[in-house]
């Protein structure tokens, strides 16, 4: 979802929902997001709106990096 919104990160970068303990009540929302990321171009506008508005989805200025060669750390993204 982030990459579809021009935020290409490393596979070990995490933020927002990835850093939270998810519950069963989060699953319908995540299922919807999964469907939208697989959808055709007509779903892209809805995907962009959710990315910008839903808490925990948009990539913040600082993310947690879990790279395999070092201890977890916070990384400030350029821009």
C-alpha atoms as a PDB file:
ATOM      1  CA  UNK A   1       0.000   0.000   0.000  1.00  0.00           C
ATOM      2  CA  UNK A   2       2.823   2.386   0.841  1.00  0.00           C
ATOM      3  CA  UNK A   3       4.613   1.575  -2.423  1.00  0.00           C
ATOM      4  CA  UNK A   4       1.394   2.219  -4.348  1.00  0.00           C
ATOM      5  CA  UNK A   5       1.483   5.689  -2.779  1.00  0.00           C
ATOM      6  CA  UNK A   6       5.102   6.340  -3.823  1.00  0.00           C
ATOM      7  CA  UNK A   7       6.678   5.371  -0.477  1.00  0.00           C
ATOM      8  CA  UNK A   8       9.095   2.561  -1.259  1.00  0.00           C
ATOM      9  CA  UNK A   9      10.636   1.261   1.946  1.00  0.00           C
ATOM     10  CA  UNK A  10      12.796  -1.667   2.921  1.00  0.00           C
ATOM     11  CA  UNK A  11      11.173  -4.947   3.875  1.00  0.00           C
ATOM     12  CA  UNK A  12      12.340  -4.589   7.486  1.00  0.00           C
ATOM     13  CA  UNK A  13      10.899  -1.081   8.015  1.00  0.00           C
ATOM     14  CA  UNK A  14       7.774  -0.890  10.176  1.00  0.00           C
ATOM     15  CA  UNK A  15       5.336   1.806  11.324  1.00  0.00           C
ATOM     16  CA  UNK A  16       1.743   2.326  12.371  1.00  0.00           C
ATOM     17  CA  UNK A  17      -0.386  -0.815  12.309  1.00  0.00           C
ATOM     18  CA  UNK A  18       2.693  -2.987  11.889  1.00  0.00           C
ATOM     19  CA  UNK A  19       3.828  -1.902  15.340  1.00  0.00           C
ATOM     20  CA  UNK A  20       0.481  -2.446  17.076  1.00  0.00           C
ATOM     21  CA  UNK A  21      -1.080  -5.540  18.583  1.00  0.00           C
ATOM     22  CA  UNK A  22      -3.931  -6.349  16.230  1.00  0.00           C
ATOM     23  CA  UNK A  23      -7.236  -7.813  17.329  1.00  0.00           C
ATOM     24  CA  UNK A  24     -10.044  -9.656  15.560  1.00  0.00           C
ATOM     25  CA  UNK A  25     -11.855  -6.335  15.132  1.00  0.00           C
ATOM     26  CA  UNK A  26      -8.960  -5.107  12.931  1.00  0.00           C
ATOM     27  CA  UNK A  27      -9.342  -7.969  10.453  1.00  0.00           C
ATOM     28  CA  UNK A  28     -12.256  -6.634   8.342  1.00  0.00           C
ATOM     29  CA  UNK A  29     -10.356  -3.360   7.835  1.00  0.00           C
ATOM     30  CA  UNK A  30      -7.188  -5.215   6.825  1.00  0.00           C
ATOM     31  CA  UNK A  31      -9.153  -7.509   4.511  1.00  0.00           C
ATOM     32  CA  UNK A  32     -10.615  -4.452   2.785  1.00  0.00           C
ATOM     33  CA  UNK A  33      -7.160  -2.912   2.375  1.00  0.00           C
ATOM     34  CA  UNK A  34      -5.826  -6.169   0.942  1.00  0.00           C
ATOM     35  CA  UNK A  35      -8.616  -6.260  -1.627  1.00  0.00           C
ATOM     36  CA  UNK A  36      -8.016  -2.653  -2.616  1.00  0.00           C
ATOM     37  CA  UNK A  37      -4.280  -3.218  -3.151  1.00  0.00           C
ATOM     38  CA  UNK A  38      -5.149  -6.072  -5.519  1.00  0.00           C
ATOM     39  CA  UNK A  39      -7.911  -4.139  -7.266  1.00  0.00           C
ATOM     40  CA  UNK A  40      -7.971  -2.499 -10.624  1.00  0.00           C
ATOM     41  CA  UNK A  41      -7.308   1.160 -11.301  1.00  0.00           C
ATOM     42  CA  UNK A  42     -10.830   2.147 -10.237  1.00  0.00           C
ATOM     43  CA  UNK A  43      -9.968   1.131  -6.626  1.00  0.00           C
ATOM     44  CA  UNK A  44      -6.841   3.299  -6.554  1.00  0.00           C
ATOM     45  CA  UNK A  45      -8.615   6.536  -5.576  1.00  0.00           C
ATOM     46  CA  UNK A  46     -10.217   4.805  -2.591  1.00  0.00           C
ATOM     47  CA  UNK A  47      -6.872   3.261  -1.648  1.00  0.00           C
ATOM     48  CA  UNK A  48      -5.175   6.667  -1.733  1.00  0.00           C
ATOM     49  CA  UNK A  49      -7.905   8.213   0.416  1.00  0.00           C
ATOM     50  CA  UNK A  50      -7.643   5.475   3.040  1.00  0.00           C
ATOM     51  CA  UNK A  51      -3.846   5.727   3.054  1.00  0.00           C
ATOM     52  CA  UNK A  52      -4.035   9.467   3.729  1.00  0.00           C
ATOM     53  CA  UNK A  53      -6.861   9.379   6.293  1.00  0.00           C
ATOM     54  CA  UNK A  54      -6.780   6.105   8.241  1.00  0.00           C
ATOM     55  CA  UNK A  55      -4.593   6.092  11.349  1.00  0.00           C
ATOM     56  CA  UNK A  56      -1.600   3.779  11.170  1.00  0.00           C
ATOM     57  CA  UNK A  57      -1.422   3.468   7.389  1.00  0.00           C
ATOM     58  CA  UNK A  58       0.497   6.470   6.081  1.00  0.00           C
ATOM     59  CA  UNK A  59       4.274   6.260   6.404  1.00  0.00           C
ATOM     60  CA  UNK A  60       5.474   8.799   8.991  1.00  0.00           C
ATOM     61  CA  UNK A  61       8.741  10.744   8.879  1.00  0.00           C
ATOM     62  CA  UNK A  62      10.305   8.212  11.287  1.00  0.00           C
ATOM     63  CA  UNK A  63       9.983   4.437  11.002  1.00  0.00           C
ATOM     64  CA  UNK A  64      11.369   1.544  13.021  1.00  0.00           C
ATOM     65  CA  UNK A  65      14.025  -0.456  11.194  1.00  0.00           C
ATOM     66  CA  UNK A  66      14.444  -4.146  12.032  1.00  0.00           C
ATOM     67  CA  UNK A  67      17.369  -4.739   9.660  1.00  0.00           C
ATOM     68  CA  UNK A  68      19.014  -8.127  10.095  1.00  0.00           C
ATOM     69  CA  UNK A  69      22.561  -6.863  10.782  1.00  0.00           C
ATOM     70  CA  UNK A  70      21.863  -4.467  13.660  1.00  0.00           C
ATOM     71  CA  UNK A  71      19.630  -3.859  16.623  1.00  0.00           C
ATOM     72  CA  UNK A  72      16.226  -2.262  15.927  1.00  0.00           C
ATOM     73  CA  UNK A  73      16.449   1.499  15.557  1.00  0.00           C
ATOM     74  CA  UNK A  74      14.411   4.510  14.473  1.00  0.00           C
ATOM     75  CA  UNK A  75      15.193   5.873  11.020  1.00  0.00           C
ATOM     76  CA  UNK A  76      14.299   9.316   9.690  1.00  0.00           C
ATOM     77  CA  UNK A  77      13.201   9.166   6.085  1.00  0.00           C
ATOM     78  CA  UNK A  78      14.362  11.788   3.580  1.00  0.00           C
ATOM     79  CA  UNK A  79      11.994  14.447   2.425  1.00  0.00           C
END
